[in-house]
Amino acid sequence: MISHSELSDKDLRSKIKQQEICFAGNRKLKIYGTLACKSGKKMKRENRVFFHAKDEALAKNFRPCGHCMKVNYKKWKDGFI
């Protein structure tokens, strides 16, 4: 997990291009989603964190986004019902 506040914009673009970062999340809400998610783009920089893989986010107890990852969110939600 990499905090957005630890990265410069140039480093962030480089890591995304090299596919070191594939998902973003909100550290306060514990939600992760795709980099293209409209909901994720609205969050504050100090709350944004980045992950290389879904498994990394799940290991940190983040849940899938209900907007950009509907199938994964439904599976996650059904696990609690």
C-alpha atoms as a PDB file:
ATOM      1  CA  MET A   1       0.000   0.000   0.000  1.00  0.00           C
ATOM      2  CA  ILE A   2       1.401   3.376  -1.048  1.00  0.00           C
ATOM      3  CA  SER A   3       0.000   6.671   0.232  1.00  0.00           C
ATOM      4  CA  HIS A   4      -0.693   9.327  -2.413  1.00  0.00           C
ATOM      5  CA  SER A   5       0.890  11.992  -0.222  1.00  0.00           C
ATOM      6  CA  GLU A   6       4.217  10.084  -0.392  1.00  0.00           C
ATOM      7  CA  LEU A   7       4.372  10.290  -4.206  1.00  0.00           C
ATOM      8  CA  SER A   8       5.056  13.155  -6.547  1.00  0.00           C
ATOM      9  CA  ASP A   9       2.819  13.400  -9.609  1.00  0.00           C
ATOM     10  CA  LYS A  10       5.719  12.297 -11.810  1.00  0.00           C
ATOM     11  CA  ASP A  11       6.390   9.201  -9.657  1.00  0.00           C
ATOM     12  CA  LEU A  12       2.692   8.334  -9.654  1.00  0.00           C
ATOM     13  CA  ARG A  13       2.427   8.488 -13.454  1.00  0.00           C
ATOM     14  CA  SER A  14       5.572   6.377 -13.754  1.00  0.00           C
ATOM     15  CA  LYS A  15       4.268   3.686 -11.379  1.00  0.00           C
ATOM     16  CA  ILE A  16       0.922   3.544 -13.189  1.00  0.00           C
ATOM     17  CA  LYS A  17       2.651   3.269 -16.574  1.00  0.00           C
ATOM     18  CA  GLN A  18       4.891   0.457 -15.264  1.00  0.00           C
ATOM     19  CA  GLN A  19       1.781  -1.221 -13.766  1.00  0.00           C
ATOM     20  CA  GLU A  20       3.169  -1.050 -10.229  1.00  0.00           C
ATOM     21  CA  ILE A  21      -0.112   0.646  -9.278  1.00  0.00           C
ATOM     22  CA  CYS A  22      -3.381  -0.821 -10.568  1.00  0.00           C
ATOM     23  CA  PHE A  23      -5.968   0.113  -7.911  1.00  0.00           C
ATOM     24  CA  ALA A  24      -6.684   3.073  -5.636  1.00  0.00           C
ATOM     25  CA  GLY A  25      -8.443   3.188  -2.300  1.00  0.00           C
ATOM     26  CA  ASN A  26      -9.695   5.458   0.431  1.00  0.00           C
ATOM     27  CA  ARG A  27      -7.787   4.736   3.643  1.00  0.00           C
ATOM     28  CA  LYS A  28     -10.504   6.186   5.906  1.00  0.00           C
ATOM     29  CA  LEU A  29     -13.470   4.418   4.279  1.00  0.00           C
ATOM     30  CA  LYS A  30     -11.470   1.220   3.539  1.00  0.00           C
ATOM     31  CA  ILE A  31     -12.804   1.028  -0.048  1.00  0.00           C
ATOM     32  CA  TYR A  32     -10.707   0.262  -3.144  1.00  0.00           C
ATOM     33  CA  GLY A  33     -11.495   0.454  -6.855  1.00  0.00           C
ATOM     34  CA  THR A  34     -10.104   0.969 -10.322  1.00  0.00           C
ATOM     35  CA  LEU A  35      -8.007   4.003 -11.188  1.00  0.00           C
ATOM     36  CA  ALA A  36     -10.725   5.183 -13.603  1.00  0.00           C
ATOM     37  CA  CYS A  37     -13.534   5.172 -11.001  1.00  0.00           C
ATOM     38  CA  LYS A  38     -15.441   8.467 -10.811  1.00  0.00           C
ATOM     39  CA  SER A  39     -15.972   8.052  -7.070  1.00  0.00           C
ATOM     40  CA  GLY A  40     -12.261   7.503  -6.490  1.00  0.00           C
ATOM     41  CA  LYS A  41     -11.294  10.601  -8.414  1.00  0.00           C
ATOM     42  CA  LYS A  42     -13.319  12.749  -5.988  1.00  0.00           C
ATOM     43  CA  MET A  43     -11.500  11.695  -2.812  1.00  0.00           C
ATOM     44  CA  LYS A  44      -8.973  13.874  -1.055  1.00  0.00           C
ATOM     45  CA  ARG A  45      -5.313  13.274  -1.821  1.00  0.00           C
ATOM     46  CA  GLU A  46      -4.463  12.664   1.853  1.00  0.00           C
ATOM     47  CA  ASN A  47      -7.020   9.819   2.009  1.00  0.00           C
ATOM     48  CA  ARG A  48      -5.955   8.109  -1.242  1.00  0.00           C
ATOM     49  CA  VAL A  49      -3.760   5.009  -1.218  1.00  0.00           C
ATOM     50  CA  PHE A  50      -2.629   2.773  -4.073  1.00  0.00           C
ATOM     51  CA  PHE A  51      -2.359  -0.996  -4.484  1.00  0.00           C
ATOM     52  CA  HIS A  52      -0.661  -3.254  -6.991  1.00  0.00           C
ATOM     53  CA  ALA A  53      -3.329  -5.982  -6.820  1.00  0.00           C
ATOM     54  CA  LYS A  54      -6.801  -6.738  -5.467  1.00  0.00           C
ATOM     55  CA  ASP A  55      -5.338  -9.282  -3.057  1.00  0.00           C
ATOM     56  CA  GLU A  56      -3.172  -6.607  -1.463  1.00  0.00           C
ATOM     57  CA  ALA A  57      -6.220  -4.391  -0.843  1.00  0.00           C
ATOM     58  CA  LEU A  58      -8.274  -7.286   0.536  1.00  0.00           C
ATOM     59  CA  ALA A  59      -5.404  -8.280   2.840  1.00  0.00           C
ATOM     60  CA  LYS A  60      -5.514  -4.761   4.306  1.00  0.00           C
ATOM     61  CA  ASN A  61      -9.298  -5.179   4.916  1.00  0.00           C
ATOM     62  CA  PHE A  62     -10.440  -2.856   2.116  1.00  0.00           C
ATOM     63  CA  ARG A  63     -13.722  -3.688   0.374  1.00  0.00           C
ATOM     64  CA  PRO A  64     -14.445  -3.405  -3.371  1.00  0.00           C
ATOM     65  CA  CYS A  65     -16.115  -0.247  -4.688  1.00  0.00           C
ATOM     66  CA  GLY A  66     -19.810  -0.626  -5.447  1.00  0.00           C
ATOM     67  CA  HIS A  67     -19.566   1.659  -8.499  1.00  0.00           C
ATOM     68  CA  CYS A  68     -16.628   0.425 -10.549  1.00  0.00           C
ATOM     69  CA  MET A  69     -16.345  -3.159  -9.249  1.00  0.00           C
ATOM     70  CA  LYS A  70     -19.986  -4.234  -9.045  1.00  0.00           C
ATOM     71  CA  VAL A  71     -19.357  -7.985  -9.404  1.00  0.00           C
ATOM     72  CA  ASN A  72     -16.603  -8.046  -6.784  1.00  0.00           C
ATOM     73  CA  TYR A  73     -18.661  -5.833  -4.471  1.00  0.00           C
ATOM     74  CA  LYS A  74     -21.660  -8.177  -4.753  1.00  0.00           C
ATOM     75  CA  LYS A  75     -19.468 -11.192  -3.906  1.00  0.00           C
ATOM     76  CA  TRP A  76     -18.013  -9.317  -0.942  1.00  0.00           C
ATOM     77  CA  LYS A  77     -21.450  -8.210   0.250  1.00  0.00           C
ATOM     78  CA  ASP A  78     -22.966 -11.687  -0.132  1.00  0.00           C
ATOM     79  CA  GLY A  79     -20.219 -13.037   2.110  1.00  0.00           C
ATOM     80  CA  PHE A  80     -21.687 -11.049   5.020  1.00  0.00           C
ATOM     81  CA  ILE A  81     -25.382 -11.867   4.467  1.00  0.00           C
END
